Amino acid sequence: MWVIFQKEFAGYLHSLIAYMVIGVFLTAIGLLMWVFPDTSVLDYGYADMGTLFSTGPYVLLFLIPGITMRSFAEEKRMGTMELLLTKPLTDWQLVFGKFMAAWALVAVALAPTLIYYYSVYQLGSPTGNVDTAGVMGSYVGLFLLSAVFCSAGMLASSFTVNQIVAFMMAAFLCFLLYTGFDSLSALPLSTRFAWVLKQVGIVYHYESLSRGLIDSRDVVYFVSMTGVLLMATKTSISSRQW
């Protein structure tokens, strides 16, 4: 698994993908936080990082499929998938190694945003007047959310040999998981059913973590969702139908 991780992560760093993802993410978030008047921290009148954590998932919703779309689709198209499967590693090690490489790249993209936290911390009046617990909880939520998106992207890539198709499928699946269930819960349904739908979606658990209280139930939700999607990916790869 470690060999697969090293190979995939090095592949990202030796291509434009890593630099484009990091550059686009930081540029988009930077403009939203500091430049655009409707979302700028400087126009809020108080130190807050809500812009990062409210818009970040939507930016990642498109960037992460761009990272994962080549995971298996490219291997199949190039004919190297069969070669990988002859190596002394299990399907699970192959899937998990590729997943960890994609997730690590997202973590690298998120790391520079800590500078934004430092800037907001210094801008507070008095200095440090910022909800640090809420910020840390939001970072945990964003990191766990990115794991779900990465696993969804891996699943989409395992279904096709076309990277564009994999990207579109992954973006739709990420959107469905993030806001789809929450939107469905707003329909005129029974209160109990609407509540269940809301809890199935990511928004409910992400917002819960953003309050600064890291509830084990929310963490278990993200870990379980990631595990289910990775298991589905492993099943797709094990079918050997491509």
C-alpha atoms as a PDB file:
ATOM      1  CA  MET A   1       0.000   0.000   0.000  1.00  0.00           C
ATOM      2  CA  TRP A   2       2.844   2.375   0.884  1.00  0.00           C
ATOM      3  CA  VAL A   3       4.389   1.834  -2.545  1.00  0.00           C
ATOM      4  CA  ILE A   4       1.094   2.711  -4.239  1.00  0.00           C
ATOM      5  CA  PHE A   5       0.780   5.808  -2.053  1.00  0.00           C
ATOM      6  CA  GLN A   6       4.298   6.965  -2.939  1.00  0.00           C
ATOM      7  CA  LYS A   7       3.751   6.288  -6.647  1.00  0.00           C
ATOM      8  CA  GLU A   8       0.439   8.156  -6.782  1.00  0.00           C
ATOM      9  CA  PHE A   9       1.518  11.098  -4.656  1.00  0.00           C
ATOM     10  CA  ALA A  10       4.749  11.495  -6.634  1.00  0.00           C
ATOM     11  CA  GLY A  11       2.662  11.310  -9.809  1.00  0.00           C
ATOM     12  CA  TYR A  12       0.564  14.238  -8.602  1.00  0.00           C
ATOM     13  CA  LEU A  13       3.639  16.292  -7.702  1.00  0.00           C
ATOM     14  CA  HIS A  14       5.326  15.562 -11.031  1.00  0.00           C
ATOM     15  CA  SER A  15       2.327  16.755 -13.008  1.00  0.00           C
ATOM     16  CA  LEU A  16       0.356  19.983 -13.148  1.00  0.00           C
ATOM     17  CA  ILE A  17      -2.537  18.473 -11.201  1.00  0.00           C
ATOM     18  CA  ALA A  18      -1.175  19.166  -7.724  1.00  0.00           C
ATOM     19  CA  TYR A  19      -0.139  22.725  -8.476  1.00  0.00           C
ATOM     20  CA  MET A  20      -3.366  23.525 -10.288  1.00  0.00           C
ATOM     21  CA  VAL A  21      -5.490  22.156  -7.444  1.00  0.00           C
ATOM     22  CA  ILE A  22      -3.546  23.998  -4.756  1.00  0.00           C
ATOM     23  CA  GLY A  23      -3.352  27.194  -6.804  1.00  0.00           C
ATOM     24  CA  VAL A  24      -7.024  27.248  -7.777  1.00  0.00           C
ATOM     25  CA  PHE A  25      -8.190  26.393  -4.254  1.00  0.00           C
ATOM     26  CA  LEU A  26      -6.067  29.041  -2.536  1.00  0.00           C
ATOM     27  CA  THR A  27      -6.871  31.673  -5.165  1.00  0.00           C
ATOM     28  CA  ALA A  28     -10.619  31.039  -4.989  1.00  0.00           C
ATOM     29  CA  ILE A  29     -10.715  31.020  -1.195  1.00  0.00           C
ATOM     30  CA  GLY A  30      -8.361  34.015  -0.988  1.00  0.00           C
ATOM     31  CA  LEU A  31     -10.546  36.094  -3.292  1.00  0.00           C
ATOM     32  CA  LEU A  32     -13.682  35.146  -1.406  1.00  0.00           C
ATOM     33  CA  MET A  33     -12.170  35.875   2.005  1.00  0.00           C
ATOM     34  CA  TRP A  34     -10.239  39.049   1.303  1.00  0.00           C
ATOM     35  CA  VAL A  35     -11.343  40.652  -1.990  1.00  0.00           C
ATOM     36  CA  PHE A  36     -14.982  40.105  -2.955  1.00  0.00           C
ATOM     37  CA  PRO A  37     -17.039  42.597  -0.906  1.00  0.00           C
ATOM     38  CA  ASP A  38     -19.987  40.279  -0.276  1.00  0.00           C
ATOM     39  CA  THR A  39     -17.822  37.689   1.496  1.00  0.00           C
ATOM     40  CA  SER A  40     -14.710  39.632   2.536  1.00  0.00           C
ATOM     41  CA  VAL A  41     -13.602  39.338   6.158  1.00  0.00           C
ATOM     42  CA  LEU A  42     -12.469  42.956   5.997  1.00  0.00           C
ATOM     43  CA  ASP A  43     -16.076  44.071   5.396  1.00  0.00           C
ATOM     44  CA  TYR A  44     -17.586  41.905   8.144  1.00  0.00           C
ATOM     45  CA  GLY A  45     -16.570  44.124  11.017  1.00  0.00           C
ATOM     46  CA  TYR A  46     -15.565  41.116  13.124  1.00  0.00           C
ATOM     47  CA  ALA A  47     -12.939  38.361  12.949  1.00  0.00           C
ATOM     48  CA  ASP A  48     -14.508  35.291  11.384  1.00  0.00           C
ATOM     49  CA  MET A  49     -13.500  32.495   9.000  1.00  0.00           C
ATOM     50  CA  GLY A  50     -17.016  31.523   8.002  1.00  0.00           C
ATOM     51  CA  THR A  51     -16.308  32.286   4.345  1.00  0.00           C
ATOM     52  CA  LEU A  52     -13.622  29.608   4.155  1.00  0.00           C
ATOM     53  CA  PHE A  53     -15.726  26.926   5.766  1.00  0.00           C
ATOM     54  CA  SER A  54     -19.000  27.759   4.018  1.00  0.00           C
ATOM     55  CA  THR A  55     -17.588  28.039   0.487  1.00  0.00           C
ATOM     56  CA  GLY A  56     -14.696  25.584   0.872  1.00  0.00           C
ATOM     57  CA  PRO A  57     -16.868  22.471   0.394  1.00  0.00           C
ATOM     58  CA  TYR A  58     -18.256  23.837  -2.885  1.00  0.00           C
ATOM     59  CA  VAL A  59     -14.764  24.563  -4.193  1.00  0.00           C
ATOM     60  CA  LEU A  60     -13.582  21.086  -3.167  1.00  0.00           C
ATOM     61  CA  LEU A  61     -16.692  19.594  -4.749  1.00  0.00           C
ATOM     62  CA  PHE A  62     -15.166  20.385  -8.153  1.00  0.00           C
ATOM     63  CA  LEU A  63     -11.451  20.219  -7.364  1.00  0.00           C
ATOM     64  CA  ILE A  64     -11.376  16.786  -5.735  1.00  0.00           C
ATOM     65  CA  PRO A  65     -13.070  15.051  -8.706  1.00  0.00           C
ATOM     66  CA  GLY A  66     -10.340  16.678 -10.796  1.00  0.00           C
ATOM     67  CA  ILE A  67      -7.762  14.926  -8.619  1.00  0.00           C
ATOM     68  CA  THR A  68      -9.407  11.518  -8.471  1.00  0.00           C
ATOM     69  CA  MET A  69     -10.742  11.234 -12.018  1.00  0.00           C
ATOM     70  CA  ARG A  70      -7.514   9.641 -13.249  1.00  0.00           C
ATOM     71  CA  SER A  71      -7.127   7.201 -10.340  1.00  0.00           C
ATOM     72  CA  PHE A  72      -8.479   4.143 -12.134  1.00  0.00           C
ATOM     73  CA  ALA A  73      -9.821   5.544 -15.407  1.00  0.00           C
ATOM     74  CA  GLU A  74      -6.326   6.408 -16.616  1.00  0.00           C
ATOM     75  CA  GLU A  75      -4.927   3.036 -15.524  1.00  0.00           C
ATOM     76  CA  LYS A  76      -7.631   1.269 -17.513  1.00  0.00           C
ATOM     77  CA  ARG A  77      -7.191   3.465 -20.572  1.00  0.00           C
ATOM     78  CA  MET A  78      -3.411   2.968 -20.608  1.00  0.00           C
ATOM     79  CA  GLY A  79      -3.706  -0.770 -20.013  1.00  0.00           C
ATOM     80  CA  THR A  80      -1.653  -0.634 -16.817  1.00  0.00           C
ATOM     81  CA  MET A  81      -4.505  -1.783 -14.570  1.00  0.00           C
ATOM     82  CA  GLU A  82      -3.837  -5.434 -15.354  1.00  0.00           C
ATOM     83  CA  LEU A  83      -0.158  -4.911 -14.552  1.00  0.00           C
ATOM     84  CA  LEU A  84      -1.014  -3.410 -11.175  1.00  0.00           C
ATOM     85  CA  LEU A  85      -3.313  -6.310 -10.352  1.00  0.00           C
ATOM     86  CA  THR A  86      -0.506  -8.812 -10.998  1.00  0.00           C
ATOM     87  CA  LYS A  87       1.615  -7.189  -8.300  1.00  0.00           C
ATOM     88  CA  PRO A  88       1.765  -8.790  -4.829  1.00  0.00           C
ATOM     89  CA  LEU A  89      -0.854  -6.503  -3.330  1.00  0.00           C
ATOM     90  CA  THR A  90      -4.534  -6.868  -2.591  1.00  0.00           C
ATOM     91  CA  ASP A  91      -7.341  -4.888  -4.204  1.00  0.00           C
ATOM     92  CA  TRP A  92      -7.906  -3.164  -0.882  1.00  0.00           C
ATOM     93  CA  GLN A  93      -4.250  -2.044  -0.674  1.00  0.00           C
ATOM     94  CA  LEU A  94      -4.500  -0.671  -4.211  1.00  0.00           C
ATOM     95  CA  VAL A  95      -7.674   1.276  -3.460  1.00  0.00           C
ATOM     96  CA  PHE A  96      -6.530   2.560  -0.076  1.00  0.00           C
ATOM     97  CA  GLY A  97      -3.093   3.579  -1.375  1.00  0.00           C
ATOM     98  CA  LYS A  98      -4.619   5.671  -4.148  1.00  0.00           C
ATOM     99  CA  PHE A  99      -7.172   7.142  -1.738  1.00  0.00           C
ATOM    100  CA  MET A 100      -4.525   8.182   0.770  1.00  0.00           C
ATOM    101  CA  ALA A 101      -2.478   9.865  -1.961  1.00  0.00           C
ATOM    102  CA  ALA A 102      -5.478  11.939  -3.114  1.00  0.00           C
ATOM    103  CA  TRP A 103      -6.426  12.790   0.473  1.00  0.00           C
ATOM    104  CA  ALA A 104      -2.851  13.805   1.278  1.00  0.00           C
ATOM    105  CA  LEU A 105      -2.855  16.186  -1.690  1.00  0.00           C
ATOM    106  CA  VAL A 106      -6.039  17.824  -0.404  1.00  0.00           C
ATOM    107  CA  ALA A 107      -4.405  18.157   3.030  1.00  0.00           C
ATOM    108  CA  VAL A 108      -1.457  19.925   1.401  1.00  0.00           C
ATOM    109  CA  ALA A 109      -3.894  22.308  -0.294  1.00  0.00           C
ATOM    110  CA  LEU A 110      -5.659  23.033   3.011  1.00  0.00           C
ATOM    111  CA  ALA A 111      -2.480  23.613   5.028  1.00  0.00           C
ATOM    112  CA  PRO A 112      -1.655  27.108   3.641  1.00  0.00           C
ATOM    113  CA  THR A 113      -5.094  28.360   4.718  1.00  0.00           C
ATOM    114  CA  LEU A 114      -3.758  28.333   8.294  1.00  0.00           C
ATOM    115  CA  ILE A 115      -2.171  31.645   7.265  1.00  0.00           C
ATOM    116  CA  TYR A 116      -5.709  33.003   6.909  1.00  0.00           C
ATOM    117  CA  TYR A 117      -6.446  31.942  10.471  1.00  0.00           C
ATOM    118  CA  TYR A 118      -3.315  33.726  11.691  1.00  0.00           C
ATOM    119  CA  SER A 119      -4.333  36.846   9.770  1.00  0.00           C
ATOM    120  CA  VAL A 120      -7.848  36.810  11.216  1.00  0.00           C
ATOM    121  CA  TYR A 121      -6.383  36.155  14.665  1.00  0.00           C
ATOM    122  CA  GLN A 122      -4.219  39.269  14.366  1.00  0.00           C
ATOM    123  CA  LEU A 123      -7.072  41.368  12.984  1.00  0.00           C
ATOM    124  CA  GLY A 124      -9.287  40.623  15.967  1.00  0.00           C
ATOM    125  CA  SER A 125     -10.027  43.406  18.427  1.00  0.00           C
ATOM    126  CA  PRO A 126      -8.485  42.681  20.835  1.00  0.00           C
ATOM    127  CA  THR A 127      -5.919  40.460  19.118  1.00  0.00           C
ATOM    128  CA  GLY A 128      -6.987  36.840  19.280  1.00  0.00           C
ATOM    129  CA  ASN A 129     -10.690  37.600  19.519  1.00  0.00           C
ATOM    130  CA  VAL A 130     -11.696  34.703  17.281  1.00  0.00           C
ATOM    131  CA  ASP A 131     -13.619  31.488  17.917  1.00  0.00           C
ATOM    132  CA  THR A 132     -10.598  29.177  17.843  1.00  0.00           C
ATOM    133  CA  ALA A 133     -12.607  26.112  18.903  1.00  0.00           C
ATOM    134  CA  GLY A 134     -15.066  26.686  16.068  1.00  0.00           C
ATOM    135  CA  VAL A 135     -12.218  27.153  13.578  1.00  0.00           C
ATOM    136  CA  MET A 136     -10.466  23.951  14.645  1.00  0.00           C
ATOM    137  CA  GLY A 137     -13.742  22.028  14.535  1.00  0.00           C
ATOM    138  CA  SER A 138     -14.414  23.400  11.059  1.00  0.00           C
ATOM    139  CA  TYR A 139     -10.956  22.319   9.898  1.00  0.00           C
ATOM    140  CA  VAL A 140     -11.619  18.808  11.204  1.00  0.00           C
ATOM    141  CA  GLY A 141     -14.964  18.813   9.399  1.00  0.00           C
ATOM    142  CA  LEU A 142     -13.441  20.064   6.144  1.00  0.00           C
ATOM    143  CA  PHE A 143     -10.679  17.457   6.335  1.00  0.00           C
ATOM    144  CA  LEU A 144     -13.152  14.622   6.968  1.00  0.00           C
ATOM    145  CA  LEU A 145     -15.482  15.957   4.268  1.00  0.00           C
ATOM    146  CA  SER A 146     -12.599  15.873   1.791  1.00  0.00           C
ATOM    147  CA  ALA A 147     -12.084  12.186   2.654  1.00  0.00           C
ATOM    148  CA  VAL A 148     -15.684  11.442   1.640  1.00  0.00           C
ATOM    149  CA  PHE A 149     -15.248  13.427  -1.583  1.00  0.00           C
ATOM    150  CA  CYS A 150     -11.992  11.595  -2.380  1.00  0.00           C
ATOM    151  CA  SER A 151     -13.609   8.193  -1.852  1.00  0.00           C
ATOM    152  CA  ALA A 152     -16.596   9.237  -3.992  1.00  0.00           C
ATOM    153  CA  GLY A 153     -14.214  10.333  -6.733  1.00  0.00           C
ATOM    154  CA  MET A 154     -12.358   7.023  -6.541  1.00  0.00           C
ATOM    155  CA  LEU A 155     -15.632   5.152  -6.910  1.00  0.00           C
ATOM    156  CA  ALA A 156     -16.616   7.179  -9.973  1.00  0.00           C
ATOM    157  CA  SER A 157     -13.188   6.604 -11.547  1.00  0.00           C
ATOM    158  CA  SER A 158     -13.493   2.838 -11.046  1.00  0.00           C
ATOM    159  CA  PHE A 159     -16.610   2.737 -13.231  1.00  0.00           C
ATOM    160  CA  THR A 160     -15.179   4.143 -16.477  1.00  0.00           C
ATOM    161  CA  VAL A 161     -12.126   4.531 -18.671  1.00  0.00           C
ATOM    162  CA  ASN A 162     -12.986   8.138 -19.542  1.00  0.00           C
ATOM    163  CA  GLN A 163     -11.612  10.767 -17.170  1.00  0.00           C
ATOM    164  CA  ILE A 164     -14.197  13.391 -18.143  1.00  0.00           C
ATOM    165  CA  VAL A 165     -17.031  10.973 -17.416  1.00  0.00           C
ATOM    166  CA  ALA A 166     -15.349  10.097 -14.106  1.00  0.00           C
ATOM    167  CA  PHE A 167     -15.112  13.797 -13.223  1.00  0.00           C
ATOM    168  CA  MET A 168     -18.783  14.461 -13.973  1.00  0.00           C
ATOM    169  CA  MET A 169     -19.948  11.380 -12.084  1.00  0.00           C
ATOM    170  CA  ALA A 170     -17.776  12.267  -9.084  1.00  0.00           C
ATOM    171  CA  ALA A 171     -18.922  15.902  -8.995  1.00  0.00           C
ATOM    172  CA  PHE A 172     -22.562  14.825  -9.116  1.00  0.00           C
ATOM    173  CA  LEU A 173     -22.061  12.200  -6.400  1.00  0.00           C
ATOM    174  CA  CYS A 174     -20.244  14.691  -4.148  1.00  0.00           C
ATOM    175  CA  PHE A 175     -23.001  17.250  -4.690  1.00  0.00           C
ATOM    176  CA  LEU A 176     -25.667  14.670  -3.895  1.00  0.00           C
ATOM    177  CA  LEU A 177     -23.917  13.587  -0.707  1.00  0.00           C
ATOM    178  CA  TYR A 178     -23.248  17.148   0.424  1.00  0.00           C
ATOM    179  CA  THR A 179     -26.495  18.991  -0.305  1.00  0.00           C
ATOM    180  CA  GLY A 180     -28.827  16.512  -1.976  1.00  0.00           C
ATOM    181  CA  PHE A 181     -30.219  14.885   1.141  1.00  0.00           C
ATOM    182  CA  ASP A 182     -30.393  18.205   2.965  1.00  0.00           C
ATOM    183  CA  SER A 183     -32.426  19.670   0.088  1.00  0.00           C
ATOM    184  CA  LEU A 184     -34.737  16.657  -0.002  1.00  0.00           C
ATOM    185  CA  SER A 185     -35.407  17.049   3.723  1.00  0.00           C
ATOM    186  CA  ALA A 186     -36.838  20.513   2.985  1.00  0.00           C
ATOM    187  CA  LEU A 187     -39.629  19.000   0.873  1.00  0.00           C
ATOM    188  CA  PRO A 188     -43.106  18.666   2.433  1.00  0.00           C
ATOM    189  CA  LEU A 189     -42.453  15.231   3.958  1.00  0.00           C
ATOM    190  CA  SER A 190     -43.224  13.733   7.329  1.00  0.00           C
ATOM    191  CA  THR A 191     -41.138  15.315  10.080  1.00  0.00           C
ATOM    192  CA  ARG A 192     -39.510  12.019  11.041  1.00  0.00           C
ATOM    193  CA  PHE A 193     -38.567  11.084   7.468  1.00  0.00           C
ATOM    194  CA  ALA A 194     -37.245  14.609   6.799  1.00  0.00           C
ATOM    195  CA  TRP A 195     -35.080  14.372   9.924  1.00  0.00           C
ATOM    196  CA  VAL A 196     -33.632  11.032   8.795  1.00  0.00           C
ATOM    197  CA  LEU A 197     -32.856  12.422   5.333  1.00  0.00           C
ATOM    198  CA  LYS A 198     -31.145  15.434   6.864  1.00  0.00           C
ATOM    199  CA  GLN A 199     -28.899  13.254   9.010  1.00  0.00           C
ATOM    200  CA  VAL A 200     -27.913  11.082   6.051  1.00  0.00           C
ATOM    201  CA  GLY A 201     -26.441  14.134   4.286  1.00  0.00           C
ATOM    202  CA  ILE A 202     -23.037  15.644   4.999  1.00  0.00           C
ATOM    203  CA  VAL A 203     -24.206  19.199   5.748  1.00  0.00           C
ATOM    204  CA  TYR A 204     -25.814  18.255   9.064  1.00  0.00           C
ATOM    205  CA  HIS A 205     -22.635  16.626  10.431  1.00  0.00           C
ATOM    206  CA  TYR A 206     -20.309  19.210   8.905  1.00  0.00           C
ATOM    207  CA  GLU A 207     -22.198  22.073  10.524  1.00  0.00           C
ATOM    208  CA  SER A 208     -22.215  20.188  13.807  1.00  0.00           C
ATOM    209  CA  LEU A 209     -18.414  19.968  13.804  1.00  0.00           C
ATOM    210  CA  SER A 210     -18.176  23.639  12.798  1.00  0.00           C
ATOM    211  CA  ARG A 211     -19.664  24.625  16.135  1.00  0.00           C
ATOM    212  CA  GLY A 212     -16.399  23.613  17.782  1.00  0.00           C
ATOM    213  CA  LEU A 213     -17.645  20.503  19.578  1.00  0.00           C
ATOM    214  CA  ILE A 214     -16.172  17.399  17.968  1.00  0.00           C
ATOM    215  CA  ASP A 215     -18.898  14.827  18.519  1.00  0.00           C
ATOM    216  CA  SER A 216     -17.843  11.198  18.036  1.00  0.00           C
ATOM    217  CA  ARG A 217     -21.120  10.551  16.182  1.00  0.00           C
ATOM    218  CA  ASP A 218     -20.149  13.042  13.475  1.00  0.00           C
ATOM    219  CA  VAL A 219     -16.648  11.578  13.180  1.00  0.00           C
ATOM    220  CA  VAL A 220     -18.080   8.051  12.947  1.00  0.00           C
ATOM    221  CA  TYR A 221     -20.455   9.260  10.218  1.00  0.00           C
ATOM    222  CA  PHE A 222     -17.619  10.592   8.047  1.00  0.00           C
ATOM    223  CA  VAL A 223     -15.412   7.557   8.643  1.00  0.00           C
ATOM    224  CA  SER A 224     -18.304   5.196   7.894  1.00  0.00           C
ATOM    225  CA  MET A 225     -19.319   7.064   4.735  1.00  0.00           C
ATOM    226  CA  THR A 226     -15.724   7.015   3.513  1.00  0.00           C
ATOM    227  CA  GLY A 227     -15.419   3.313   4.318  1.00  0.00           C
ATOM    228  CA  VAL A 228     -18.630   2.424   2.469  1.00  0.00           C
ATOM    229  CA  LEU A 229     -17.536   4.303  -0.653  1.00  0.00           C
ATOM    230  CA  LEU A 230     -14.060   2.737  -0.571  1.00  0.00           C
ATOM    231  CA  MET A 231     -15.585  -0.706  -0.128  1.00  0.00           C
ATOM    232  CA  ALA A 232     -17.805  -0.062  -3.145  1.00  0.00           C
ATOM    233  CA  THR A 233     -14.706   0.976  -5.091  1.00  0.00           C
ATOM    234  CA  LYS A 234     -12.905  -2.192  -4.041  1.00  0.00           C
ATOM    235  CA  THR A 235     -15.912  -4.252  -5.158  1.00  0.00           C
ATOM    236  CA  SER A 236     -15.932  -2.470  -8.511  1.00  0.00           C
ATOM    237  CA  ILE A 237     -12.226  -3.152  -9.015  1.00  0.00           C
ATOM    238  CA  SER A 238     -12.586  -6.767  -7.907  1.00  0.00           C
ATOM    239  CA  SER A 239     -15.224  -7.393 -10.569  1.00  0.00           C
ATOM    240  CA  ARG A 240     -12.495  -7.029 -13.220  1.00  0.00           C
ATOM    241  CA  GLN A 241     -15.147  -5.881 -15.713  1.00  0.00           C
ATOM    242  CA  TRP A 242     -13.585  -3.182 -17.878  1.00  0.00           C
END
